[in-house]
Amino acid sequence: MFDNLSRRLQQVFAGLTGKGRLTEADVDAAMREIRMALLEADVNLAVVKRFVARVRERAVGSDVMASLTPGQQVIKIVLDELTHLLSQLLHGEQAALQICGQLTNACPTMDAKFYAASQVADEARHVEVYHRYLTEKLGISYGVNDQLRQLLDTIICDSRWDITFLG
């Protein structure tokens, strides 16, 4: 799935970098291809719509940096938005790790604690993988956005265990 997504995005970017000047139609065509690639990779439709809208808004309304071609500028914008999206996913996984720890602490028996601890280890692995990818491969990680912070604070601080568990 990721190989196919990577290949599709590289094809879109190859078509953009060959142009000296990008028109709005070029950006629309690229966004259409990116949208299709993300949907084929089973990304949620609402996430794809927001992502494409943010990239298009930045790509059409931005001035091209002096050191970049217009195609490279679009690639930079897409990479920035993907990094932002992955950073928010990382923060969600960090919250899931914290919640798993809380639930493990609340388990009444040792068997339940061992089972819950395996979930803690799994969430910790997710956090590590996302963090290493963002810092080593992409070289940047964004902080948690305000909407996600509010949601996570509400879920983590709720006194009802079932709300925390479902969150």
Foldseek 3Di string as FASTA:
>chain_A
DVVQLVVQLVVLLVVLQVDQDDDLVNLVVSLVSNLVSCVVVVDDNVVSVVLSVQLSVCLVPDDDDPVDGSSVVSVVSNLVSVQAVLLQVLVVLVLVLVLLVVVLVVDDDPVSNVVSVVVNVVSVVVNVVSVCCSCVVVNDHDDHDPVSVVVSCCLVPDPDSVSVVVD
